[in-house]
Amino acid sequence: MQRAIQTALTSASCENVLVVLGANEDEIRPNISDQQVNIAYNPQWAEGMASSIRLGIAELQKLEPLTTSAILMLCDQPFVDSWLIYQLTERKAENDCGIVACEYKNTFGVPALFDKKHFGELETLTGNDGAKKLIGLYPDDVATVPFALGAIDIDTIEDYERLNNRA
C-alpha cells in the first residue's frame, strides 16, 4: 500500500490521491493517515472490487467536482511507478480516447485512466467487476501503454516469496 501511495504522490500527473480502504481499514489507516492522501472507507468491501471503484469515483467527484479524469490503481502491483502514471496521462493528451489502459500479457488492465465521460459507468459496476469490464466494453475508445510487468501482482504470501526469489 505504501509503495502505491508514494507512486501516486510523486507522480506529477496526480493532483489528488484518494485511497479506498475496506476489510483491514483499522490496521491500514493508522499507517497512512499522516500522508497527503484522502482516505475513504468502503463499508461494502465484501461485495467486491466494484464497490470500492464506485465509492472512489463518487468521493473523488465530491472532493474535486471539476475532475476530468481518474487513474485507477491497485496496491498489489509492485512495478507501477510514477513514470507509468505519467505515460497514461501523456497518452491521453496525445489522443482523445476515453480510456487509457495498461497492456500486459495479451490483455488490458490497470493502472488505467478513465475520462469523466465514463465515471457514471464506473459507478454502476457490481460485484467483482473492475475496470477491465469497462475497458472491454469500449475497445474503440481505448488507448494503451505497454506495461509487461503489470501481470505481476502480490495477492498471497506465496506471490510475495516468488517475487523475492525472482529478485
C-alpha atoms as a PDB file:
ATOM      1  CA  MET A   1       0.000   0.000   0.000  1.00  0.00           C
ATOM      2  CA  GLN A   2       2.782   2.436   0.950  1.00  0.00           C
ATOM      3  CA  ARG A   3       4.505   1.955  -2.400  1.00  0.00           C
ATOM      4  CA  ALA A   4       1.307   2.630  -4.367  1.00  0.00           C
ATOM      5  CA  ILE A   5       0.640   5.761  -2.329  1.00  0.00           C
ATOM      6  CA  GLN A   6       4.165   7.076  -2.834  1.00  0.00           C
ATOM      7  CA  THR A   7       3.948   6.360  -6.550  1.00  0.00           C
ATOM      8  CA  ALA A   8       0.766   8.404  -6.853  1.00  0.00           C
ATOM      9  CA  LEU A   9       2.057  11.206  -4.630  1.00  0.00           C
ATOM     10  CA  THR A  10       5.331  11.552  -6.531  1.00  0.00           C
ATOM     11  CA  SER A  11       3.655  11.475  -9.909  1.00  0.00           C
ATOM     12  CA  ALA A  12       3.324  14.932 -11.419  1.00  0.00           C
ATOM     13  CA  SER A  13       0.130  13.665 -13.026  1.00  0.00           C
ATOM     14  CA  CYS A  14      -1.875  13.104  -9.846  1.00  0.00           C
ATOM     15  CA  GLU A  15      -3.326  16.219  -8.267  1.00  0.00           C
ATOM     16  CA  ASN A  16      -5.389  14.383  -5.658  1.00  0.00           C
ATOM     17  CA  VAL A  17      -4.777  10.936  -4.261  1.00  0.00           C
ATOM     18  CA  LEU A  18      -7.691   9.020  -2.796  1.00  0.00           C
ATOM     19  CA  VAL A  19      -7.165   5.709  -1.013  1.00  0.00           C
ATOM     20  CA  VAL A  20     -10.181   3.442  -0.605  1.00  0.00           C
ATOM     21  CA  LEU A  21      -9.900   1.081   2.353  1.00  0.00           C
ATOM     22  CA  GLY A  22     -12.026  -1.935   3.195  1.00  0.00           C
ATOM     23  CA  ALA A  23     -11.610  -5.064   5.292  1.00  0.00           C
ATOM     24  CA  ASN A  24      -8.388  -4.078   7.058  1.00  0.00           C
ATOM     25  CA  GLU A  25      -9.127  -0.388   7.418  1.00  0.00           C
ATOM     26  CA  ASP A  26      -8.411  -0.303  11.157  1.00  0.00           C
ATOM     27  CA  GLU A  27      -4.933  -1.771  10.553  1.00  0.00           C
ATOM     28  CA  ILE A  28      -4.041   0.289   7.483  1.00  0.00           C
ATOM     29  CA  ARG A  29      -5.455   3.744   8.277  1.00  0.00           C
ATOM     30  CA  PRO A  30      -3.035   4.494  11.157  1.00  0.00           C
ATOM     31  CA  ASN A  31      -0.110   3.727   8.838  1.00  0.00           C
ATOM     32  CA  ILE A  32      -1.205   6.126   6.093  1.00  0.00           C
ATOM     33  CA  SER A  33      -3.124   8.858   7.898  1.00  0.00           C
ATOM     34  CA  ASP A  34      -0.040  11.096   8.101  1.00  0.00           C
ATOM     35  CA  GLN A  35       0.336  11.164   4.311  1.00  0.00           C
ATOM     36  CA  GLN A  36      -1.113  13.750   1.922  1.00  0.00           C
ATOM     37  CA  VAL A  37      -3.938  11.495   0.776  1.00  0.00           C
ATOM     38  CA  ASN A  38      -7.680  11.463   1.153  1.00  0.00           C
ATOM     39  CA  ILE A  39      -8.974   8.277   2.728  1.00  0.00           C
ATOM     40  CA  ALA A  40     -12.418   6.759   2.203  1.00  0.00           C
ATOM     41  CA  TYR A  41     -13.742   3.706   3.990  1.00  0.00           C
ATOM     42  CA  ASN A  42     -15.814   1.270   1.950  1.00  0.00           C
ATOM     43  CA  PRO A  43     -18.254  -0.477   4.310  1.00  0.00           C
ATOM     44  CA  GLN A  44     -19.431  -2.612   1.362  1.00  0.00           C
ATOM     45  CA  TRP A  45     -15.960  -4.053   0.687  1.00  0.00           C
ATOM     46  CA  ALA A  46     -17.225  -7.653   0.914  1.00  0.00           C
ATOM     47  CA  GLU A  47     -19.282  -7.117  -2.254  1.00  0.00           C
ATOM     48  CA  GLY A  48     -16.098  -6.992  -4.309  1.00  0.00           C
ATOM     49  CA  MET A  49     -13.875  -4.615  -6.212  1.00  0.00           C
ATOM     50  CA  ALA A  50     -16.763  -2.744  -7.852  1.00  0.00           C
ATOM     51  CA  SER A  51     -17.918  -1.270  -4.536  1.00  0.00           C
ATOM     52  CA  SER A  52     -14.502   0.326  -3.998  1.00  0.00           C
ATOM     53  CA  ILE A  53     -14.462   1.740  -7.529  1.00  0.00           C
ATOM     54  CA  ARG A  54     -17.958   3.183  -7.099  1.00  0.00           C
ATOM     55  CA  LEU A  55     -17.037   4.774  -3.778  1.00  0.00           C
ATOM     56  CA  GLY A  56     -13.732   6.080  -5.096  1.00  0.00           C
ATOM     57  CA  ILE A  57     -15.286   7.797  -8.112  1.00  0.00           C
ATOM     58  CA  ALA A  58     -18.090   9.292  -6.002  1.00  0.00           C
ATOM     59  CA  GLU A  59     -15.646  10.568  -3.358  1.00  0.00           C
ATOM     60  CA  LEU A  60     -13.294  11.991  -5.978  1.00  0.00           C
ATOM     61  CA  GLN A  61     -16.155  13.970  -7.524  1.00  0.00           C
ATOM     62  CA  LYS A  62     -17.110  15.316  -4.088  1.00  0.00           C
ATOM     63  CA  LEU A  63     -13.522  16.341  -3.363  1.00  0.00           C
ATOM     64  CA  GLU A  64     -12.878  17.802  -6.813  1.00  0.00           C
ATOM     65  CA  PRO A  65     -16.101  18.403  -8.749  1.00  0.00           C
ATOM     66  CA  LEU A  66     -14.171  19.661 -11.784  1.00  0.00           C
ATOM     67  CA  THR A  67     -12.104  16.477 -12.107  1.00  0.00           C
ATOM     68  CA  THR A  68     -11.827  15.483 -15.768  1.00  0.00           C
ATOM     69  CA  SER A  69     -10.234  12.048 -15.347  1.00  0.00           C
ATOM     70  CA  ALA A  70      -9.221   9.478 -12.771  1.00  0.00           C
ATOM     71  CA  ILE A  71      -6.475   6.885 -12.664  1.00  0.00           C
ATOM     72  CA  LEU A  72      -7.447   3.613 -11.030  1.00  0.00           C
ATOM     73  CA  MET A  73      -4.575   1.766  -9.373  1.00  0.00           C
ATOM     74  CA  LEU A  74      -4.313  -1.281  -7.165  1.00  0.00           C
ATOM     75  CA  CYS A  75      -1.901  -1.635  -4.294  1.00  0.00           C
ATOM     76  CA  ASP A  76      -0.775  -5.128  -5.291  1.00  0.00           C
ATOM     77  CA  GLN A  77       1.175  -4.303  -8.468  1.00  0.00           C
ATOM     78  CA  PRO A  78       4.749  -3.736  -7.265  1.00  0.00           C
ATOM     79  CA  PHE A  79       6.155  -2.448 -10.555  1.00  0.00           C
ATOM     80  CA  VAL A  80       3.833   0.509 -11.032  1.00  0.00           C
ATOM     81  CA  ASP A  81       5.883   3.695 -10.859  1.00  0.00           C
ATOM     82  CA  SER A  82       5.386   7.419 -11.417  1.00  0.00           C
ATOM     83  CA  TRP A  83       6.765   7.149 -14.971  1.00  0.00           C
ATOM     84  CA  LEU A  84       3.972   4.718 -15.864  1.00  0.00           C
ATOM     85  CA  ILE A  85       1.371   7.075 -14.397  1.00  0.00           C
ATOM     86  CA  TYR A  86       2.871   9.900 -16.449  1.00  0.00           C
ATOM     87  CA  GLN A  87       2.700   7.741 -19.596  1.00  0.00           C
ATOM     88  CA  LEU A  88      -1.032   7.189 -19.036  1.00  0.00           C
ATOM     89  CA  THR A  89      -1.683  10.926 -18.892  1.00  0.00           C
ATOM     90  CA  GLU A  90       0.574  11.649 -21.859  1.00  0.00           C
ATOM     91  CA  ARG A  91      -1.174   9.025 -23.952  1.00  0.00           C
ATOM     92  CA  LYS A  92      -4.497  10.646 -23.042  1.00  0.00           C
ATOM     93  CA  ALA A  93      -3.130  14.041 -24.122  1.00  0.00           C
ATOM     94  CA  GLU A  94      -1.981  12.580 -27.455  1.00  0.00           C
ATOM     95  CA  ASN A  95      -5.433  11.373 -28.436  1.00  0.00           C
ATOM     96  CA  ASP A  96      -8.935  11.980 -27.255  1.00  0.00           C
ATOM     97  CA  CYS A  97      -9.791   8.487 -26.095  1.00  0.00           C
ATOM     98  CA  GLY A  98     -11.917   7.944 -23.015  1.00  0.00           C
ATOM     99  CA  ILE A  99      -9.753   5.215 -21.508  1.00  0.00           C
ATOM    100  CA  VAL A 100      -6.004   4.666 -21.381  1.00  0.00           C
ATOM    101  CA  ALA A 101      -5.181   1.208 -20.081  1.00  0.00           C
ATOM    102  CA  CYS A 102      -2.002  -0.702 -19.444  1.00  0.00           C
ATOM    103  CA  GLU A 103      -1.292  -3.577 -21.771  1.00  0.00           C
ATOM    104  CA  TYR A 104       0.271  -6.755 -20.419  1.00  0.00           C
ATOM    105  CA  LYS A 105       0.092 -10.484 -21.003  1.00  0.00           C
ATOM    106  CA  ASN A 106      -2.236 -10.069 -24.027  1.00  0.00           C
ATOM    107  CA  THR A 107      -4.820  -8.103 -22.047  1.00  0.00           C
ATOM    108  CA  PHE A 108      -5.632  -4.573 -20.939  1.00  0.00           C
ATOM    109  CA  GLY A 109      -5.973  -3.532 -17.325  1.00  0.00           C
ATOM    110  CA  VAL A 110      -4.981  -1.251 -14.508  1.00  0.00           C
ATOM    111  CA  PRO A 111      -3.494   1.099 -13.845  1.00  0.00           C
ATOM    112  CA  ALA A 112      -5.918   2.782 -16.202  1.00  0.00           C
ATOM    113  CA  LEU A 113      -7.035   6.337 -16.777  1.00  0.00           C
ATOM    114  CA  PHE A 114     -10.745   6.988 -17.248  1.00  0.00           C
ATOM    115  CA  ASP A 115     -12.161  10.163 -18.707  1.00  0.00           C
ATOM    116  CA  LYS A 116     -15.054  11.732 -16.808  1.00  0.00           C
ATOM    117  CA  LYS A 117     -17.450  10.545 -19.522  1.00  0.00           C
ATOM    118  CA  HIS A 118     -17.022   7.020 -18.087  1.00  0.00           C
ATOM    119  CA  PHE A 119     -17.497   7.941 -14.396  1.00  0.00           C
ATOM    120  CA  GLY A 120     -21.214   7.106 -14.484  1.00  0.00           C
ATOM    121  CA  GLU A 121     -20.485   3.642 -15.806  1.00  0.00           C
ATOM    122  CA  LEU A 122     -17.748   3.086 -13.244  1.00  0.00           C
ATOM    123  CA  GLU A 123     -20.327   3.909 -10.592  1.00  0.00           C
ATOM    124  CA  THR A 124     -22.655   1.176 -11.877  1.00  0.00           C
ATOM    125  CA  LEU A 125     -20.168  -1.716 -11.669  1.00  0.00           C
ATOM    126  CA  THR A 126     -21.208  -4.528  -9.339  1.00  0.00           C
ATOM    127  CA  GLY A 127     -19.625  -7.450  -7.514  1.00  0.00           C
ATOM    128  CA  ASN A 128     -16.120  -8.339  -8.595  1.00  0.00           C
ATOM    129  CA  ASP A 129     -16.363  -6.380 -11.831  1.00  0.00           C
ATOM    130  CA  GLY A 130     -13.475  -3.997 -12.126  1.00  0.00           C
ATOM    131  CA  ALA A 131     -12.066  -1.540 -14.616  1.00  0.00           C
ATOM    132  CA  LYS A 132     -11.293  -4.377 -17.036  1.00  0.00           C
ATOM    133  CA  LYS A 133     -15.010  -4.889 -17.692  1.00  0.00           C
ATOM    134  CA  LEU A 134     -15.441  -1.292 -18.816  1.00  0.00           C
ATOM    135  CA  ILE A 135     -12.239  -1.415 -20.867  1.00  0.00           C
ATOM    136  CA  GLY A 136     -13.643  -4.433 -22.698  1.00  0.00           C
ATOM    137  CA  LEU A 137     -16.932  -2.684 -23.459  1.00  0.00           C
ATOM    138  CA  TYR A 138     -15.260   0.194 -25.304  1.00  0.00           C
ATOM    139  CA  PRO A 139     -12.398  -1.182 -27.434  1.00  0.00           C
ATOM    140  CA  ASP A 140     -12.677   1.738 -29.881  1.00  0.00           C
ATOM    141  CA  ASP A 141     -12.287   4.259 -27.036  1.00  0.00           C
ATOM    142  CA  VAL A 142      -9.162   2.681 -25.508  1.00  0.00           C
ATOM    143  CA  ALA A 143      -5.533   3.657 -25.988  1.00  0.00           C
ATOM    144  CA  THR A 144      -2.822   1.591 -24.348  1.00  0.00           C
ATOM    145  CA  VAL A 145       0.534   1.896 -22.664  1.00  0.00           C
ATOM    146  CA  PRO A 146       2.790  -1.178 -22.653  1.00  0.00           C
ATOM    147  CA  PHE A 147       3.496  -2.455 -19.146  1.00  0.00           C
ATOM    148  CA  ALA A 148       4.904  -6.003 -19.292  1.00  0.00           C
ATOM    149  CA  LEU A 149       5.403  -6.164 -15.524  1.00  0.00           C
ATOM    150  CA  GLY A 150       1.730  -5.344 -14.930  1.00  0.00           C
ATOM    151  CA  ALA A 151       0.896  -9.030 -14.874  1.00  0.00           C
ATOM    152  CA  ILE A 152       2.852  -9.395 -11.641  1.00  0.00           C
ATOM    153  CA  ASP A 153       0.783  -8.795  -8.561  1.00  0.00           C
ATOM    154  CA  ILE A 154       1.056  -9.730  -4.916  1.00  0.00           C
ATOM    155  CA  ASP A 155      -2.121 -11.366  -3.650  1.00  0.00           C
ATOM    156  CA  THR A 156      -0.661 -14.001  -1.336  1.00  0.00           C
ATOM    157  CA  ILE A 157       2.398 -14.721   0.778  1.00  0.00           C
ATOM    158  CA  GLU A 158       3.432 -17.191  -1.934  1.00  0.00           C
ATOM    159  CA  ASP A 159       3.295 -14.413  -4.558  1.00  0.00           C
ATOM    160  CA  TYR A 160       5.488 -12.240  -2.352  1.00  0.00           C
ATOM    161  CA  GLU A 161       8.004 -15.024  -1.792  1.00  0.00           C
ATOM    162  CA  ARG A 162       8.079 -15.820  -5.512  1.00  0.00           C
ATOM    163  CA  LEU A 163       8.792 -12.161  -6.273  1.00  0.00           C
ATOM    164  CA  ASN A 164      11.590 -12.038  -3.693  1.00  0.00           C
ATOM    165  CA  ASN A 165      13.138 -15.241  -5.079  1.00  0.00           C
ATOM    166  CA  ARG A 166      12.984 -13.791  -8.560  1.00  0.00           C
ATOM    167  CA  ALA A 167      14.887 -10.704  -7.463  1.00  0.00           C
END
